[in-house]
């Protein structure tokens, strides 16, 4: 059974492999990270851990029993009881309900462990999978249209206290 784990220094090799193996798949639905992300991965990983230690962000990985990363689930820009949710799943881990279950679990952690009351998210209009996960987890569209790189998208919000 996959486990949601808070990002740690020793996750670096498996996380880099996850990002490299799924780069083309991710680029079809979310903005590409660019070559610098891979070239500077060690420094970026250390920076994410520092942000997490300061309480600015909460980074998580969905890891299988062999230690392979199946997904990333992040709460970023933590401020005044709210945060922005972002997630991505490995192509081979999709269509099994793992993303929805993990987002729901992270929403619970957001309230119980991190003291958050509101989560925001965004998804491209053509990213049906992410929009479905958000809706199933209780997020509602705000009606605000945005651009995610060169793609039109929608903003979503979840009032954790009212979540059923």
C-alpha atoms as a PDB file:
ATOM      1  CA  UNK A   1       0.000   0.000   0.000  1.00  0.00           C
ATOM      2  CA  UNK A   2       1.506   3.375  -0.953  1.00  0.00           C
ATOM      3  CA  UNK A   3       2.311   5.753   1.895  1.00  0.00           C
ATOM      4  CA  UNK A   4       2.263   9.556   1.996  1.00  0.00           C
ATOM      5  CA  UNK A   5       5.596  10.717   3.424  1.00  0.00           C
ATOM      6  CA  UNK A   6       6.830  14.172   4.300  1.00  0.00           C
ATOM      7  CA  UNK A   7       9.741  15.160   2.039  1.00  0.00           C
ATOM      8  CA  UNK A   8      13.148  14.192   3.462  1.00  0.00           C
ATOM      9  CA  UNK A   9      16.749  14.541   2.267  1.00  0.00           C
ATOM     10  CA  UNK A  10      16.988  10.818   1.455  1.00  0.00           C
ATOM     11  CA  UNK A  11      14.056  11.077  -0.978  1.00  0.00           C
ATOM     12  CA  UNK A  12      16.244  12.959  -3.490  1.00  0.00           C
ATOM     13  CA  UNK A  13      17.285  10.039  -5.762  1.00  0.00           C
ATOM     14  CA  UNK A  14      13.782   8.568  -6.015  1.00  0.00           C
ATOM     15  CA  UNK A  15      12.210  11.998  -6.525  1.00  0.00           C
ATOM     16  CA  UNK A  16      14.639  12.885  -9.301  1.00  0.00           C
ATOM     17  CA  UNK A  17      13.943   9.534 -10.992  1.00  0.00           C
ATOM     18  CA  UNK A  18      10.185  10.198 -10.732  1.00  0.00           C
ATOM     19  CA  UNK A  19      10.545  13.632 -12.340  1.00  0.00           C
ATOM     20  CA  UNK A  20      12.820  12.365 -15.120  1.00  0.00           C
ATOM     21  CA  UNK A  21      10.716   9.299 -15.945  1.00  0.00           C
ATOM     22  CA  UNK A  22       7.490  11.308 -16.112  1.00  0.00           C
ATOM     23  CA  UNK A  23       8.713  14.572 -17.636  1.00  0.00           C
ATOM     24  CA  UNK A  24       7.068  14.078 -21.025  1.00  0.00           C
ATOM     25  CA  UNK A  25       3.869  12.794 -19.429  1.00  0.00           C
ATOM     26  CA  UNK A  26       3.680  15.816 -17.079  1.00  0.00           C
ATOM     27  CA  UNK A  27       4.359  18.295 -19.885  1.00  0.00           C
ATOM     28  CA  UNK A  28       1.134  17.193 -21.571  1.00  0.00           C
ATOM     29  CA  UNK A  29      -0.951  18.570 -18.681  1.00  0.00           C
ATOM     30  CA  UNK A  30       1.172  20.932 -16.531  1.00  0.00           C
ATOM     31  CA  UNK A  31       3.928  23.431 -17.302  1.00  0.00           C
ATOM     32  CA  UNK A  32       7.326  21.804 -17.823  1.00  0.00           C
ATOM     33  CA  UNK A  33       9.899  22.428 -15.098  1.00  0.00           C
ATOM     34  CA  UNK A  34      12.626  23.210 -17.619  1.00  0.00           C
ATOM     35  CA  UNK A  35      16.129  21.795 -17.965  1.00  0.00           C
ATOM     36  CA  UNK A  36      17.498  23.863 -15.061  1.00  0.00           C
ATOM     37  CA  UNK A  37      15.278  21.928 -12.648  1.00  0.00           C
ATOM     38  CA  UNK A  38      17.143  18.722 -13.479  1.00  0.00           C
ATOM     39  CA  UNK A  39      20.582  20.314 -13.701  1.00  0.00           C
ATOM     40  CA  UNK A  40      20.177  22.053 -10.328  1.00  0.00           C
ATOM     41  CA  UNK A  41      18.065  19.359  -8.664  1.00  0.00           C
ATOM     42  CA  UNK A  42      20.239  18.883  -5.552  1.00  0.00           C
ATOM     43  CA  UNK A  43      20.215  22.608  -4.732  1.00  0.00           C
ATOM     44  CA  UNK A  44      16.479  22.859  -5.404  1.00  0.00           C
ATOM     45  CA  UNK A  45      15.785  19.844  -3.205  1.00  0.00           C
ATOM     46  CA  UNK A  46      17.787  21.428  -0.376  1.00  0.00           C
ATOM     47  CA  UNK A  47      15.881  24.694  -0.860  1.00  0.00           C
ATOM     48  CA  UNK A  48      12.515  22.872  -0.647  1.00  0.00           C
ATOM     49  CA  UNK A  49      13.621  21.214   2.585  1.00  0.00           C
ATOM     50  CA  UNK A  50      14.662  24.603   4.004  1.00  0.00           C
ATOM     51  CA  UNK A  51      11.259  26.108   3.084  1.00  0.00           C
ATOM     52  CA  UNK A  52       9.572  23.172   4.759  1.00  0.00           C
ATOM     53  CA  UNK A  53      11.671  23.578   7.922  1.00  0.00           C
ATOM     54  CA  UNK A  54      10.577  27.230   8.080  1.00  0.00           C
ATOM     55  CA  UNK A  55       6.903  26.229   7.789  1.00  0.00           C
ATOM     56  CA  UNK A  56       6.469  28.047   4.475  1.00  0.00           C
ATOM     57  CA  UNK A  57       5.562  24.859   2.613  1.00  0.00           C
ATOM     58  CA  UNK A  58       4.727  21.222   3.310  1.00  0.00           C
ATOM     59  CA  UNK A  59       6.036  18.787   0.705  1.00  0.00           C
ATOM     60  CA  UNK A  60       4.924  15.148   0.489  1.00  0.00           C
ATOM     61  CA  UNK A  61       5.630  12.125  -1.668  1.00  0.00           C
ATOM     62  CA  UNK A  62       3.409   9.135  -2.269  1.00  0.00           C
ATOM     63  CA  UNK A  63       5.853   6.225  -2.040  1.00  0.00           C
ATOM     64  CA  UNK A  64       5.279   2.540  -2.777  1.00  0.00           C
ATOM     65  CA  UNK A  65       6.619  -0.326  -0.676  1.00  0.00           C
ATOM     66  CA  UNK A  66       9.880  -0.424  -2.676  1.00  0.00           C
ATOM     67  CA  UNK A  67      10.534   3.300  -2.144  1.00  0.00           C
ATOM     68  CA  UNK A  68       9.518   4.367  -5.650  1.00  0.00           C
ATOM     69  CA  UNK A  69       7.801   7.752  -5.844  1.00  0.00           C
ATOM     70  CA  UNK A  70       4.301   7.516  -7.308  1.00  0.00           C
ATOM     71  CA  UNK A  71       3.308  11.137  -6.774  1.00  0.00           C
ATOM     72  CA  UNK A  72       4.056  14.545  -5.274  1.00  0.00           C
ATOM     73  CA  UNK A  73       1.563  16.414  -3.115  1.00  0.00           C
ATOM     74  CA  UNK A  74       2.585  19.875  -1.981  1.00  0.00           C
ATOM     75  CA  UNK A  75       1.114  22.629   0.141  1.00  0.00           C
ATOM     76  CA  UNK A  76       2.947  25.826  -0.751  1.00  0.00           C
ATOM     77  CA  UNK A  77       2.723  29.505   0.110  1.00  0.00           C
ATOM     78  CA  UNK A  78       1.443  28.772   3.608  1.00  0.00           C
ATOM     79  CA  UNK A  79       0.118  31.962   5.143  1.00  0.00           C
ATOM     80  CA  UNK A  80      -2.750  33.017   7.399  1.00  0.00           C
ATOM     81  CA  UNK A  81      -4.225  29.509   7.609  1.00  0.00           C
ATOM     82  CA  UNK A  82      -4.236  28.854   3.884  1.00  0.00           C
ATOM     83  CA  UNK A  83      -2.001  27.198   1.315  1.00  0.00           C
ATOM     84  CA  UNK A  84      -1.889  26.314  -2.367  1.00  0.00           C
ATOM     85  CA  UNK A  85      -2.208  22.606  -3.217  1.00  0.00           C
ATOM     86  CA  UNK A  86      -0.249  21.172  -6.103  1.00  0.00           C
ATOM     87  CA  UNK A  87       0.119  17.535  -7.108  1.00  0.00           C
ATOM     88  CA  UNK A  88       1.344  15.258  -9.866  1.00  0.00           C
ATOM     89  CA  UNK A  89       1.156  11.507 -10.277  1.00  0.00           C
ATOM     90  CA  UNK A  90       3.414   9.122 -12.170  1.00  0.00           C
ATOM     91  CA  UNK A  91       1.761   7.976 -15.368  1.00  0.00           C
ATOM     92  CA  UNK A  92       1.833   4.354 -14.256  1.00  0.00           C
ATOM     93  CA  UNK A  93       0.017   5.239 -10.997  1.00  0.00           C
ATOM     94  CA  UNK A  94      -2.963   6.982 -12.601  1.00  0.00           C
ATOM     95  CA  UNK A  95      -6.548   5.758 -12.941  1.00  0.00           C
ATOM     96  CA  UNK A  96      -6.497   3.870  -9.642  1.00  0.00           C
ATOM     97  CA  UNK A  97      -7.975   6.524  -7.346  1.00  0.00           C
ATOM     98  CA  UNK A  98      -4.633   7.133  -5.652  1.00  0.00           C
ATOM     99  CA  UNK A  99      -4.547  10.860  -6.408  1.00  0.00           C
ATOM    100  CA  UNK A 100      -8.038  11.468  -5.027  1.00  0.00           C
ATOM    101  CA  UNK A 101      -7.409   9.393  -1.912  1.00  0.00           C
ATOM    102  CA  UNK A 102      -4.084  11.127  -1.309  1.00  0.00           C
ATOM    103  CA  UNK A 103      -5.490  14.636  -1.799  1.00  0.00           C
ATOM    104  CA  UNK A 104      -8.263  13.809   0.679  1.00  0.00           C
ATOM    105  CA  UNK A 105      -5.680  12.525   3.158  1.00  0.00           C
ATOM    106  CA  UNK A 106      -3.525  15.623   2.667  1.00  0.00           C
ATOM    107  CA  UNK A 107      -6.555  17.843   3.314  1.00  0.00           C
ATOM    108  CA  UNK A 108      -6.972  16.107   6.663  1.00  0.00           C
ATOM    109  CA  UNK A 109      -3.271  16.587   7.436  1.00  0.00           C
ATOM    110  CA  UNK A 110      -3.556  20.236   6.412  1.00  0.00           C
ATOM    111  CA  UNK A 111      -6.152  20.767   9.125  1.00  0.00           C
ATOM    112  CA  UNK A 112      -4.885  18.467  11.866  1.00  0.00           C
ATOM    113  CA  UNK A 113      -1.100  18.750  11.511  1.00  0.00           C
ATOM    114  CA  UNK A 114      -0.565  22.134   9.886  1.00  0.00           C
ATOM    115  CA  UNK A 115      -3.513  24.125  11.270  1.00  0.00           C
ATOM    116  CA  UNK A 116      -4.763  25.198   7.848  1.00  0.00           C
ATOM    117  CA  UNK A 117      -8.365  26.168   7.217  1.00  0.00           C
ATOM    118  CA  UNK A 118      -8.415  26.892   3.482  1.00  0.00           C
ATOM    119  CA  UNK A 119      -6.717  25.313   0.496  1.00  0.00           C
ATOM    120  CA  UNK A 120      -6.492  26.760  -2.996  1.00  0.00           C
ATOM    121  CA  UNK A 121      -5.598  24.943  -6.202  1.00  0.00           C
ATOM    122  CA  UNK A 122      -5.531  25.514  -9.936  1.00  0.00           C
ATOM    123  CA  UNK A 123      -5.880  23.250 -12.939  1.00  0.00           C
ATOM    124  CA  UNK A 124      -5.768  23.782 -16.678  1.00  0.00           C
ATOM    125  CA  UNK A 125      -9.131  23.449 -18.384  1.00  0.00           C
ATOM    126  CA  UNK A 126      -7.766  20.597 -20.502  1.00  0.00           C
ATOM    127  CA  UNK A 127      -6.419  18.763 -17.432  1.00  0.00           C
ATOM    128  CA  UNK A 128      -9.553  16.733 -16.794  1.00  0.00           C
ATOM    129  CA  UNK A 129      -7.805  14.324 -14.427  1.00  0.00           C
ATOM    130  CA  UNK A 130      -6.646  17.032 -12.004  1.00  0.00           C
ATOM    131  CA  UNK A 131      -9.968  18.849 -12.162  1.00  0.00           C
ATOM    132  CA  UNK A 132     -11.745  15.580 -11.350  1.00  0.00           C
ATOM    133  CA  UNK A 133      -9.442  14.876  -8.394  1.00  0.00           C
ATOM    134  CA  UNK A 134     -10.026  18.359  -7.001  1.00  0.00           C
ATOM    135  CA  UNK A 135     -13.804  18.083  -7.355  1.00  0.00           C
ATOM    136  CA  UNK A 136     -13.915  14.616  -5.789  1.00  0.00           C
ATOM    137  CA  UNK A 137     -11.841  15.904  -2.864  1.00  0.00           C
ATOM    138  CA  UNK A 138     -14.382  18.671  -2.225  1.00  0.00           C
ATOM    139  CA  UNK A 139     -12.743  21.631  -3.955  1.00  0.00           C
ATOM    140  CA  UNK A 140     -15.091  23.986  -5.775  1.00  0.00           C
ATOM    141  CA  UNK A 141     -14.298  26.265  -8.706  1.00  0.00           C
ATOM    142  CA  UNK A 142     -14.071  29.920  -7.707  1.00  0.00           C
ATOM    143  CA  UNK A 143     -15.058  31.130 -11.159  1.00  0.00           C
ATOM    144  CA  UNK A 144     -11.678  32.851 -11.505  1.00  0.00           C
ATOM    145  CA  UNK A 145     -10.136  32.076 -14.861  1.00  0.00           C
ATOM    146  CA  UNK A 146      -6.344  32.042 -14.917  1.00  0.00           C
ATOM    147  CA  UNK A 147      -3.441  31.149 -17.176  1.00  0.00           C
ATOM    148  CA  UNK A 148      -1.071  28.324 -16.299  1.00  0.00           C
ATOM    149  CA  UNK A 149       1.863  29.099 -18.549  1.00  0.00           C
ATOM    150  CA  UNK A 150       0.125  29.217 -21.932  1.00  0.00           C
ATOM    151  CA  UNK A 151      -3.008  27.288 -20.916  1.00  0.00           C
ATOM    152  CA  UNK A 152      -6.330  28.583 -19.627  1.00  0.00           C
ATOM    153  CA  UNK A 153      -7.325  27.227 -16.244  1.00  0.00           C
ATOM    154  CA  UNK A 154      -9.561  27.602 -13.231  1.00  0.00           C
ATOM    155  CA  UNK A 155      -8.902  28.323  -9.573  1.00  0.00           C
ATOM    156  CA  UNK A 156     -10.435  26.094  -6.900  1.00  0.00           C
ATOM    157  CA  UNK A 157     -10.927  26.490  -3.161  1.00  0.00           C
ATOM    158  CA  UNK A 158     -11.651  24.167  -0.259  1.00  0.00           C
ATOM    159  CA  UNK A 159     -12.890  25.357   3.124  1.00  0.00           C
ATOM    160  CA  UNK A 160     -11.448  22.491   5.157  1.00  0.00           C
ATOM    161  CA  UNK A 161     -13.800  23.094   8.105  1.00  0.00           C
ATOM    162  CA  UNK A 162     -16.865  22.638   5.874  1.00  0.00           C
ATOM    163  CA  UNK A 163     -15.506  19.647   3.995  1.00  0.00           C
ATOM    164  CA  UNK A 164     -17.660  16.589   4.285  1.00  0.00           C
END
